[in-house]
């Protein structure tokens, strides 16, 4: 199972809204970056991802699960980009800020640290474990 990070501005789509979508989840559309597209194309149902609030919070807030793999994005008039469907799994006990992540030497190579503008990015298994530890979730790192 792969791990990911999905970034969203909370004023546009928040983790609270993702939670309110329930088990049916929602589509993750509007991605217009080719590297992010490549990451989304690699996603499989059951993959987990961090939900990151960009701009205001700059923090990982919760965990989502990919429930439908890559398919065409109905909002892309060019037909070049797609989307996946995700559902909320759980909010984290404690949010993990970008400052905390940057201060953690074991996360120095995390994509979020080195390419923070990328809207969809991979997370290694070790990075996942460390972030979950920082969130007070070490005892329930899996869903």
N, C-alpha and C. Protein backbone atom coordinates (compact mmCIF):
# COMPACT_ATOMS: atom_id res chain seq x y z
N UNK A 1 0.85 -1.18 0.00
CA UNK A 1 0.00 0.00 0.00
C UNK A 1 0.90 1.24 0.00
N UNK A 2 0.62 2.15 -0.90
CA UNK A 2 1.36 3.39 -0.99
C UNK A 2 0.75 4.42 -0.03
N UNK A 3 1.54 5.45 0.25
CA UNK A 3 1.10 6.54 1.12
C UNK A 3 1.25 7.86 0.35
N UNK A 4 0.36 8.81 0.65
CA UNK A 4 0.32 10.07 -0.09
C UNK A 4 0.06 11.24 0.84
N UNK A 5 0.16 12.44 0.29
CA UNK A 5 -0.24 13.66 0.98
C UNK A 5 -1.05 14.48 -0.01
N UNK A 6 -2.25 14.90 0.42
CA UNK A 6 -3.15 15.73 -0.39
C UNK A 6 -3.21 17.11 0.27
N UNK A 7 -2.95 18.14 -0.52
CA UNK A 7 -2.98 19.50 0.01
C UNK A 7 -4.24 20.22 -0.44
N UNK A 8 -4.85 20.96 0.49
CA UNK A 8 -6.02 21.76 0.16
C UNK A 8 -6.04 23.00 1.03
N UNK A 9 -6.46 24.10 0.44
CA UNK A 9 -6.68 25.30 1.23
C UNK A 9 -8.00 25.11 1.97
N UNK A 10 -8.00 25.27 3.30
CA UNK A 10 -9.23 25.02 4.05
C UNK A 10 -10.40 25.90 3.64
N UNK A 11 -10.13 27.07 3.10
CA UNK A 11 -11.23 27.94 2.64
C UNK A 11 -11.89 27.36 1.38
N UNK A 12 -11.16 26.52 0.64
CA UNK A 12 -11.68 25.89 -0.56
C UNK A 12 -12.31 24.53 -0.24
N UNK A 13 -11.57 23.68 0.46
CA UNK A 13 -12.07 22.37 0.88
C UNK A 13 -11.30 21.97 2.13
N UNK A 14 -12.00 21.85 3.24
CA UNK A 14 -11.36 21.55 4.52
C UNK A 14 -11.51 20.08 4.89
N UNK A 15 -10.73 19.68 5.86
CA UNK A 15 -10.86 18.31 6.34
C UNK A 15 -12.23 18.10 6.99
N UNK A 16 -12.76 19.14 7.61
CA UNK A 16 -14.10 19.03 8.19
C UNK A 16 -15.13 18.70 7.10
N UNK A 17 -15.02 19.36 5.96
CA UNK A 17 -15.92 19.05 4.84
C UNK A 17 -15.70 17.62 4.35
N UNK A 18 -14.43 17.18 4.34
CA UNK A 18 -14.14 15.81 3.92
C UNK A 18 -14.80 14.83 4.88
N UNK A 19 -14.73 15.11 6.18
CA UNK A 19 -15.40 14.26 7.17
C UNK A 19 -16.91 14.23 6.94
N UNK A 20 -17.48 15.39 6.66
CA UNK A 20 -18.93 15.49 6.45
C UNK A 20 -19.39 14.75 5.20
N UNK A 21 -18.49 14.52 4.25
CA UNK A 21 -18.84 13.77 3.04
C UNK A 21 -19.12 12.30 3.36
N UNK A 22 -18.66 11.85 4.51
CA UNK A 22 -18.95 10.49 4.96
C UNK A 22 -18.25 9.40 4.17
N UNK A 23 -18.82 8.21 4.26
CA UNK A 23 -18.24 7.02 3.63
C UNK A 23 -18.19 7.11 2.11
N UNK A 24 -19.14 7.84 1.52
CA UNK A 24 -19.15 7.94 0.05
C UNK A 24 -17.97 8.75 -0.46
N UNK A 25 -17.38 9.59 0.41
CA UNK A 25 -16.21 10.37 0.01
C UNK A 25 -16.53 11.41 -1.05
N UNK A 26 -15.48 11.92 -1.66
CA UNK A 26 -15.59 12.95 -2.69
C UNK A 26 -14.48 12.78 -3.71
N UNK A 27 -14.66 13.43 -4.84
CA UNK A 27 -13.58 13.41 -5.83
C UNK A 27 -12.55 14.48 -5.47
N UNK A 28 -11.30 14.21 -5.82
CA UNK A 28 -10.19 15.15 -5.59
C UNK A 28 -9.81 15.70 -6.96
N UNK A 29 -10.45 16.80 -7.33
CA UNK A 29 -10.28 17.33 -8.68
C UNK A 29 -9.49 18.63 -8.67
N UNK A 30 -9.26 19.17 -9.83
CA UNK A 30 -8.62 20.47 -9.97
C UNK A 30 -7.11 20.43 -10.01
N UNK A 31 -6.51 19.26 -9.94
CA UNK A 31 -5.04 19.16 -10.00
C UNK A 31 -4.59 19.43 -11.43
N UNK A 32 -3.70 20.39 -11.59
CA UNK A 32 -3.23 20.77 -12.93
C UNK A 32 -1.71 20.79 -13.03
N UNK A 33 -1.09 19.89 -12.31
CA UNK A 33 0.36 19.75 -12.33
C UNK A 33 0.67 18.34 -12.81
N UNK A 34 1.59 18.21 -13.77
CA UNK A 34 1.85 16.90 -14.36
C UNK A 34 2.49 15.91 -13.39
N UNK A 35 3.34 16.39 -12.47
CA UNK A 35 3.92 15.48 -11.49
C UNK A 35 2.84 15.00 -10.50
N UNK A 36 1.98 15.91 -10.05
CA UNK A 36 0.88 15.51 -9.18
C UNK A 36 -0.04 14.53 -9.90
N UNK A 37 -0.28 14.76 -11.19
CA UNK A 37 -1.09 13.84 -12.01
C UNK A 37 -0.46 12.46 -12.02
N UNK A 38 0.85 12.40 -12.20
CA UNK A 38 1.57 11.13 -12.22
C UNK A 38 1.38 10.39 -10.89
N UNK A 39 1.46 11.13 -9.79
CA UNK A 39 1.24 10.51 -8.48
C UNK A 39 -0.18 9.97 -8.36
N UNK A 40 -1.16 10.75 -8.81
CA UNK A 40 -2.55 10.30 -8.73
C UNK A 40 -2.79 9.07 -9.61
N UNK A 41 -2.12 9.01 -10.74
CA UNK A 41 -2.28 7.85 -11.62
C UNK A 41 -1.73 6.58 -10.98
N UNK A 42 -0.80 6.73 -10.02
CA UNK A 42 -0.21 5.57 -9.34
C UNK A 42 -1.04 5.09 -8.16
N UNK A 43 -2.04 5.85 -7.78
CA UNK A 43 -2.84 5.51 -6.59
C UNK A 43 -3.76 4.33 -6.85
N UNK A 44 -3.93 3.55 -5.79
CA UNK A 44 -4.83 2.40 -5.84
C UNK A 44 -5.85 2.53 -4.70
N UNK A 45 -7.02 1.97 -4.90
CA UNK A 45 -8.02 1.95 -3.83
C UNK A 45 -7.40 1.29 -2.61
N UNK A 46 -7.59 1.92 -1.46
CA UNK A 46 -7.02 1.41 -0.22
C UNK A 46 -5.77 2.15 0.22
N UNK A 47 -5.13 2.88 -0.70
CA UNK A 47 -3.97 3.70 -0.31
C UNK A 47 -4.42 4.77 0.67
N UNK A 48 -3.56 5.10 1.61
CA UNK A 48 -3.86 6.13 2.59
C UNK A 48 -3.10 7.41 2.28
N UNK A 49 -3.65 8.52 2.71
CA UNK A 49 -2.98 9.80 2.51
C UNK A 49 -3.21 10.73 3.68
N UNK A 50 -2.26 11.62 3.87
CA UNK A 50 -2.45 12.70 4.83
C UNK A 50 -3.25 13.80 4.16
N UNK A 51 -4.11 14.45 4.92
CA UNK A 51 -4.86 15.63 4.45
C UNK A 51 -4.16 16.82 5.07
N UNK A 52 -3.61 17.68 4.22
CA UNK A 52 -2.81 18.82 4.64
C UNK A 52 -3.54 20.12 4.34
N UNK A 53 -3.73 20.94 5.36
CA UNK A 53 -4.30 22.27 5.16
C UNK A 53 -3.17 23.22 4.79
N UNK A 54 -3.21 23.74 3.57
CA UNK A 54 -2.19 24.70 3.15
C UNK A 54 -2.67 26.11 3.50
N UNK A 55 -1.81 27.07 3.27
CA UNK A 55 -2.09 28.49 3.53
C UNK A 55 -2.23 28.81 5.00
N UNK A 56 -3.45 28.75 5.55
CA UNK A 56 -3.69 29.21 6.92
C UNK A 56 -3.04 28.31 7.97
N UNK A 57 -3.39 27.05 8.01
CA UNK A 57 -2.87 26.14 9.03
C UNK A 57 -1.44 25.67 8.76
N UNK A 58 -1.19 25.33 7.50
CA UNK A 58 0.07 24.69 7.12
C UNK A 58 0.35 23.52 8.05
N UNK A 59 -0.58 22.56 8.04
CA UNK A 59 -0.48 21.41 8.94
C UNK A 59 -1.21 20.20 8.38
N UNK A 60 -0.72 19.03 8.74
CA UNK A 60 -1.42 17.78 8.45
C UNK A 60 -2.50 17.64 9.51
N UNK A 61 -3.74 17.49 9.04
CA UNK A 61 -4.91 17.52 9.90
C UNK A 61 -5.52 16.13 10.12
N UNK A 62 -5.48 15.29 9.06
CA UNK A 62 -6.16 14.01 9.15
C UNK A 62 -5.65 13.01 8.12
N UNK A 63 -6.35 11.89 8.08
CA UNK A 63 -6.01 10.79 7.17
C UNK A 63 -7.20 10.53 6.26
N UNK A 64 -6.91 10.32 4.98
CA UNK A 64 -7.92 9.94 4.00
C UNK A 64 -7.51 8.63 3.33
N UNK A 65 -8.48 8.01 2.68
CA UNK A 65 -8.24 6.77 1.94
C UNK A 65 -8.70 6.95 0.51
N UNK A 66 -7.89 6.48 -0.43
CA UNK A 66 -8.29 6.48 -1.83
C UNK A 66 -9.35 5.38 -2.00
N UNK A 67 -10.52 5.77 -2.51
CA UNK A 67 -11.59 4.78 -2.68
C UNK A 67 -11.92 4.52 -4.15
N UNK A 68 -11.40 5.37 -5.05
CA UNK A 68 -11.58 5.14 -6.48
C UNK A 68 -10.32 5.64 -7.17
N UNK A 69 -9.67 4.78 -7.97
CA UNK A 69 -8.44 5.21 -8.64
C UNK A 69 -8.70 6.23 -9.74
N UNK A 70 -7.63 6.69 -10.31
CA UNK A 70 -7.59 7.77 -11.30
C UNK A 70 -8.61 7.59 -12.43
N UNK A 71 -9.30 8.68 -12.72
CA UNK A 71 -10.25 8.73 -13.84
C UNK A 71 -10.34 10.18 -14.31
N UNK A 72 -10.94 10.46 -15.48
CA UNK A 72 -10.95 11.83 -16.03
C UNK A 72 -11.60 12.85 -15.08
N UNK A 73 -10.98 14.02 -15.01
CA UNK A 73 -11.50 15.13 -14.20
C UNK A 73 -12.51 15.90 -15.05
N UNK A 74 -13.76 15.89 -14.64
CA UNK A 74 -14.82 16.54 -15.40
C UNK A 74 -14.67 18.07 -15.45
N UNK A 75 -13.81 18.64 -14.61
CA UNK A 75 -13.60 20.10 -14.63
C UNK A 75 -12.45 20.52 -15.53
N UNK A 76 -11.77 19.56 -16.14
CA UNK A 76 -10.64 19.87 -17.03
C UNK A 76 -11.10 19.90 -18.48
N UNK A 77 -11.20 21.09 -19.03
CA UNK A 77 -11.66 21.25 -20.41
C UNK A 77 -10.67 20.70 -21.43
N UNK A 78 -9.40 20.57 -21.04
CA UNK A 78 -8.38 20.06 -21.97
C UNK A 78 -8.40 18.55 -22.07
N UNK A 79 -8.96 17.88 -21.06
CA UNK A 79 -8.99 16.43 -21.05
C UNK A 79 -7.65 15.80 -20.67
N UNK A 80 -6.70 16.60 -20.20
CA UNK A 80 -5.36 16.09 -19.87
C UNK A 80 -5.23 15.57 -18.44
N UNK A 81 -6.12 16.01 -17.56
CA UNK A 81 -5.96 15.69 -16.15
C UNK A 81 -7.11 14.86 -15.61
N UNK A 82 -6.83 14.19 -14.51
CA UNK A 82 -7.83 13.32 -13.89
C UNK A 82 -7.93 13.58 -12.41
N UNK A 83 -8.59 12.66 -11.73
CA UNK A 83 -8.81 12.80 -10.30
C UNK A 83 -8.97 11.41 -9.68
N UNK A 84 -8.98 11.37 -8.37
CA UNK A 84 -9.27 10.16 -7.61
C UNK A 84 -10.38 10.51 -6.62
N UNK A 85 -11.02 9.51 -6.06
CA UNK A 85 -11.99 9.74 -5.00
C UNK A 85 -11.34 9.34 -3.68
N UNK A 86 -11.60 10.14 -2.65
CA UNK A 86 -11.08 9.87 -1.31
C UNK A 86 -12.19 10.01 -0.28
N UNK A 87 -12.01 9.33 0.83
CA UNK A 87 -12.92 9.47 1.97
C UNK A 87 -12.07 9.71 3.21
N UNK A 88 -12.64 10.43 4.16
CA UNK A 88 -11.94 10.67 5.42
C UNK A 88 -11.89 9.38 6.23
N UNK A 89 -10.75 9.11 6.80
CA UNK A 89 -10.59 7.97 7.70
C UNK A 89 -10.70 8.45 9.15
N UNK A 90 -9.93 9.49 9.48
CA UNK A 90 -9.95 10.02 10.84
C UNK A 90 -9.18 11.32 10.91
N UNK A 91 -9.57 12.18 11.84
CA UNK A 91 -8.73 13.34 12.15
C UNK A 91 -7.56 12.85 13.01
N UNK A 92 -6.45 13.55 12.95
CA UNK A 92 -5.33 13.21 13.82
C UNK A 92 -5.59 13.72 15.23
N UNK A 93 -5.04 13.03 16.22
CA UNK A 93 -5.17 13.49 17.61
C UNK A 93 -4.64 14.90 17.75
N UNK A 94 -3.48 15.15 17.14
CA UNK A 94 -2.84 16.46 17.16
C UNK A 94 -2.40 16.78 15.74
N UNK A 95 -2.71 17.99 15.26
CA UNK A 95 -2.23 18.35 13.93
C UNK A 95 -0.71 18.47 13.97
N UNK A 96 -0.10 18.23 12.81
CA UNK A 96 1.35 18.30 12.70
C UNK A 96 1.68 19.42 11.73
N UNK A 97 2.28 20.48 12.26
CA UNK A 97 2.55 21.68 11.46
C UNK A 97 3.75 21.49 10.53
N UNK A 98 3.77 22.30 9.50
CA UNK A 98 4.91 22.31 8.59
C UNK A 98 6.18 22.65 9.36
N UNK A 99 6.10 23.56 10.32
CA UNK A 99 7.26 23.93 11.14
C UNK A 99 7.78 22.71 11.90
N UNK A 100 6.88 21.90 12.47
CA UNK A 100 7.29 20.68 13.17
C UNK A 100 7.98 19.71 12.21
N UNK A 101 7.41 19.58 11.04
CA UNK A 101 7.97 18.65 10.05
C UNK A 101 9.36 19.12 9.63
N UNK A 102 9.52 20.40 9.37
CA UNK A 102 10.82 20.94 8.97
C UNK A 102 11.85 20.84 10.10
N UNK A 103 11.39 20.87 11.34
CA UNK A 103 12.30 20.80 12.49
C UNK A 103 12.71 19.36 12.80
N UNK A 104 12.04 18.39 12.22
CA UNK A 104 12.33 16.98 12.50
C UNK A 104 13.39 16.48 11.52
N UNK A 105 14.62 16.23 11.97
CA UNK A 105 15.70 15.81 11.05
C UNK A 105 15.38 14.55 10.25
N UNK A 106 14.58 13.65 10.83
CA UNK A 106 14.24 12.41 10.12
C UNK A 106 13.32 12.66 8.93
N UNK A 107 12.75 13.87 8.83
CA UNK A 107 11.84 14.20 7.72
C UNK A 107 12.49 15.17 6.72
N UNK A 108 13.79 15.32 6.80
CA UNK A 108 14.51 16.27 5.94
C UNK A 108 14.33 15.99 4.45
N UNK A 109 14.09 14.75 4.08
CA UNK A 109 13.93 14.40 2.66
C UNK A 109 12.48 14.29 2.22
N UNK A 110 11.55 14.59 3.10
CA UNK A 110 10.13 14.51 2.76
C UNK A 110 9.82 15.52 1.64
N UNK A 111 9.00 15.11 0.69
CA UNK A 111 8.65 15.99 -0.43
C UNK A 111 8.05 17.30 0.08
N UNK A 112 7.24 17.24 1.12
CA UNK A 112 6.62 18.44 1.67
C UNK A 112 7.67 19.48 2.09
N UNK A 113 8.82 19.02 2.55
CA UNK A 113 9.91 19.91 2.96
C UNK A 113 10.62 20.50 1.75
N UNK A 114 10.79 19.69 0.73
CA UNK A 114 11.61 20.07 -0.43
C UNK A 114 10.84 20.59 -1.63
N UNK A 115 9.55 20.32 -1.69
CA UNK A 115 8.71 20.79 -2.80
C UNK A 115 7.31 21.05 -2.25
N UNK A 116 7.23 22.01 -1.34
CA UNK A 116 5.99 22.23 -0.60
C UNK A 116 4.83 22.71 -1.47
N UNK A 117 5.09 23.13 -2.69
CA UNK A 117 4.01 23.63 -3.55
C UNK A 117 3.27 22.50 -4.28
N UNK A 118 3.85 21.32 -4.33
CA UNK A 118 3.22 20.20 -5.03
C UNK A 118 1.96 19.75 -4.29
N UNK A 119 0.83 19.74 -4.99
CA UNK A 119 -0.47 19.52 -4.34
C UNK A 119 -0.77 18.08 -3.97
N UNK A 120 -0.16 17.13 -4.65
CA UNK A 120 -0.33 15.71 -4.35
C UNK A 120 1.07 15.11 -4.40
N UNK A 121 1.47 14.46 -3.32
CA UNK A 121 2.85 13.99 -3.25
C UNK A 121 2.95 12.67 -2.51
N UNK A 122 3.99 11.90 -2.81
CA UNK A 122 4.19 10.62 -2.11
C UNK A 122 4.76 10.84 -0.71
N UNK A 123 4.48 9.88 0.16
CA UNK A 123 5.02 9.85 1.51
C UNK A 123 5.58 8.44 1.72
N UNK A 124 6.82 8.33 2.19
CA UNK A 124 7.38 7.01 2.43
C UNK A 124 6.77 6.40 3.68
N UNK A 125 6.93 5.10 3.81
CA UNK A 125 6.43 4.41 5.00
C UNK A 125 7.06 4.96 6.28
N UNK A 126 8.34 5.24 6.25
CA UNK A 126 9.03 5.79 7.42
C UNK A 126 8.54 7.20 7.73
N UNK A 127 8.35 8.03 6.70
CA UNK A 127 7.81 9.37 6.92
C UNK A 127 6.41 9.29 7.54
N UNK A 128 5.60 8.37 7.04
CA UNK A 128 4.25 8.18 7.58
C UNK A 128 4.32 7.86 9.07
N UNK A 129 5.18 6.93 9.43
CA UNK A 129 5.33 6.52 10.82
C UNK A 129 5.75 7.69 11.71
N UNK A 130 6.71 8.48 11.24
CA UNK A 130 7.21 9.61 12.03
C UNK A 130 6.13 10.68 12.21
N UNK A 131 5.42 11.00 11.14
CA UNK A 131 4.34 12.00 11.25
C UNK A 131 3.25 11.51 12.20
N UNK A 132 2.91 10.23 12.10
CA UNK A 132 1.90 9.68 13.01
C UNK A 132 2.39 9.76 14.45
N UNK A 133 3.65 9.52 14.66
CA UNK A 133 4.24 9.65 15.99
C UNK A 133 4.12 11.09 16.49
N UNK A 134 4.44 12.07 15.64
CA UNK A 134 4.34 13.48 16.00
C UNK A 134 2.89 13.87 16.31
N UNK A 135 1.95 13.18 15.69
CA UNK A 135 0.52 13.47 15.87
C UNK A 135 -0.06 12.76 17.09
N UNK A 136 0.78 12.02 17.81
CA UNK A 136 0.27 11.26 18.95
C UNK A 136 -0.48 10.02 18.55
N UNK A 137 -0.19 9.53 17.35
CA UNK A 137 -0.92 8.39 16.78
C UNK A 137 -0.04 7.16 16.64
N UNK A 138 1.10 7.12 17.30
CA UNK A 138 2.05 6.02 17.12
C UNK A 138 1.41 4.67 17.40
N UNK A 139 0.44 4.63 18.31
CA UNK A 139 -0.20 3.38 18.67
C UNK A 139 -1.24 2.93 17.66
N UNK A 140 -1.63 3.82 16.73
CA UNK A 140 -2.62 3.45 15.70
C UNK A 140 -2.23 4.03 14.36
N UNK A 141 -1.02 3.70 13.93
CA UNK A 141 -0.47 4.25 12.71
C UNK A 141 -1.23 3.78 11.47
N UNK A 142 -1.86 2.64 11.57
CA UNK A 142 -2.68 2.17 10.45
C UNK A 142 -4.12 2.55 10.72
N UNK A 143 -4.96 2.46 9.68
CA UNK A 143 -6.38 2.84 9.87
C UNK A 143 -7.14 1.90 10.74
